[in-house]
Amino acid sequence: MNSMRRRTASALHFAKGKFDLGTVAGHAYLSGNELQLVFPVTKLVDMITALGSKIQSLSALSSLLEKYENVYIGFQFAK
């Protein structure tokens, strides 16, 4: 993306049928014909950490993720 981009607040809601994982606040960056959507992975880290205590294969991943702060995941789209 080039340096001339516009940022707006956005939200991503995770739900499928009976499962509702809630809403995650994030940001959308728009520049020309490109769009980036980024969201903090805090809730994902919390969920993996909780499952890591019950599922042995996730315990290493959860201990690794606990070492990081302010991690974002996102998507980039272009026309």
Protein backbone atom coordinates (compact mmCIF):
# COMPACT_ATOMS: atom_id res chain seq x y z
CA MET A 1 0.00 0.00 0.00
CA ASN A 2 1.20 3.50 -0.64
CA SER A 3 1.55 6.16 2.07
CA MET A 4 -1.70 7.99 1.21
CA ARG A 5 -4.25 5.87 3.01
CA ARG A 6 -7.34 6.53 5.06
CA ARG A 7 -8.07 4.68 8.33
CA THR A 8 -11.50 4.01 9.76
CA ALA A 9 -12.68 1.98 12.72
CA SER A 10 -14.42 -1.29 11.90
CA ALA A 11 -15.71 -4.42 13.62
CA LEU A 12 -15.72 -8.09 12.70
CA HIS A 13 -18.42 -10.31 14.16
CA PHE A 14 -17.73 -14.05 14.45
CA ALA A 15 -20.87 -16.18 14.43
CA LYS A 16 -21.98 -19.44 12.85
CA GLY A 17 -25.29 -21.00 13.76
CA LYS A 18 -25.43 -21.52 17.53
CA PHE A 19 -21.83 -20.40 18.01
CA ASP A 20 -21.31 -16.71 18.64
CA LEU A 21 -17.73 -15.76 19.46
CA GLY A 22 -18.46 -12.05 19.63
CA THR A 23 -17.25 -8.91 17.92
CA VAL A 24 -13.66 -7.77 17.49
CA ALA A 25 -12.84 -4.11 16.92
CA GLY A 26 -10.32 -3.34 14.20
CA HIS A 27 -9.30 -0.89 11.52
CA ALA A 28 -9.85 -0.59 7.79
CA TYR A 29 -7.25 1.12 5.64
CA LEU A 30 -8.28 2.34 2.20
CA SER A 31 -5.81 3.53 -0.42
CA GLY A 32 -6.74 3.84 -4.08
CA ASN A 33 -8.03 0.44 -5.10
CA GLU A 34 -6.63 -1.44 -2.06
CA LEU A 35 -8.40 -2.24 1.20
CA GLN A 36 -6.76 -3.67 4.33
CA LEU A 37 -8.77 -4.96 7.29
CA VAL A 38 -6.75 -5.58 10.48
CA PHE A 39 -7.90 -6.87 13.86
CA PRO A 40 -6.10 -7.64 17.13
CA VAL A 41 -5.77 -11.34 17.86
CA THR A 42 -6.29 -10.88 21.61
CA LYS A 43 -9.52 -12.92 21.71
CA LEU A 44 -7.98 -15.64 19.54
CA VAL A 45 -4.95 -15.81 21.85
CA ASP A 46 -7.24 -16.01 24.90
CA MET A 47 -9.23 -18.84 23.31
CA ILE A 48 -6.11 -20.80 22.31
CA THR A 49 -4.63 -20.26 25.77
CA ALA A 50 -7.79 -21.59 27.42
CA LEU A 51 -7.88 -24.60 25.08
CA GLY A 52 -4.14 -25.12 25.48
CA SER A 53 -4.64 -26.06 29.09
CA LYS A 54 -7.04 -28.83 27.97
CA ILE A 55 -5.57 -29.92 24.60
CA GLN A 56 -1.94 -31.00 24.74
CA SER A 57 -1.18 -30.12 21.09
CA LEU A 58 -2.19 -26.47 21.69
CA SER A 59 -0.13 -25.96 24.85
CA ALA A 60 3.09 -25.10 22.95
CA LEU A 61 1.22 -22.68 20.71
CA SER A 62 -0.47 -20.99 23.65
CA SER A 63 2.82 -20.54 25.53
CA LEU A 64 4.38 -19.00 22.40
CA LEU A 65 1.46 -16.61 21.84
CA GLU A 66 1.50 -15.42 25.46
CA LYS A 67 4.90 -13.78 24.78
CA TYR A 68 3.51 -11.32 22.24
CA GLU A 69 1.49 -8.13 22.68
CA ASN A 70 -0.42 -5.99 20.16
CA VAL A 71 -0.47 -8.63 17.42
CA TYR A 72 -2.84 -7.98 14.52
CA ILE A 73 -4.08 -10.22 11.76
CA GLY A 74 -5.67 -8.97 8.60
CA PHE A 75 -6.78 -9.25 5.05
CA GLN A 76 -5.81 -7.23 2.00
CA PHE A 77 -8.04 -6.80 -1.02
CA ALA A 78 -7.34 -5.13 -4.35
CA LYS A 79 -9.50 -4.36 -7.37
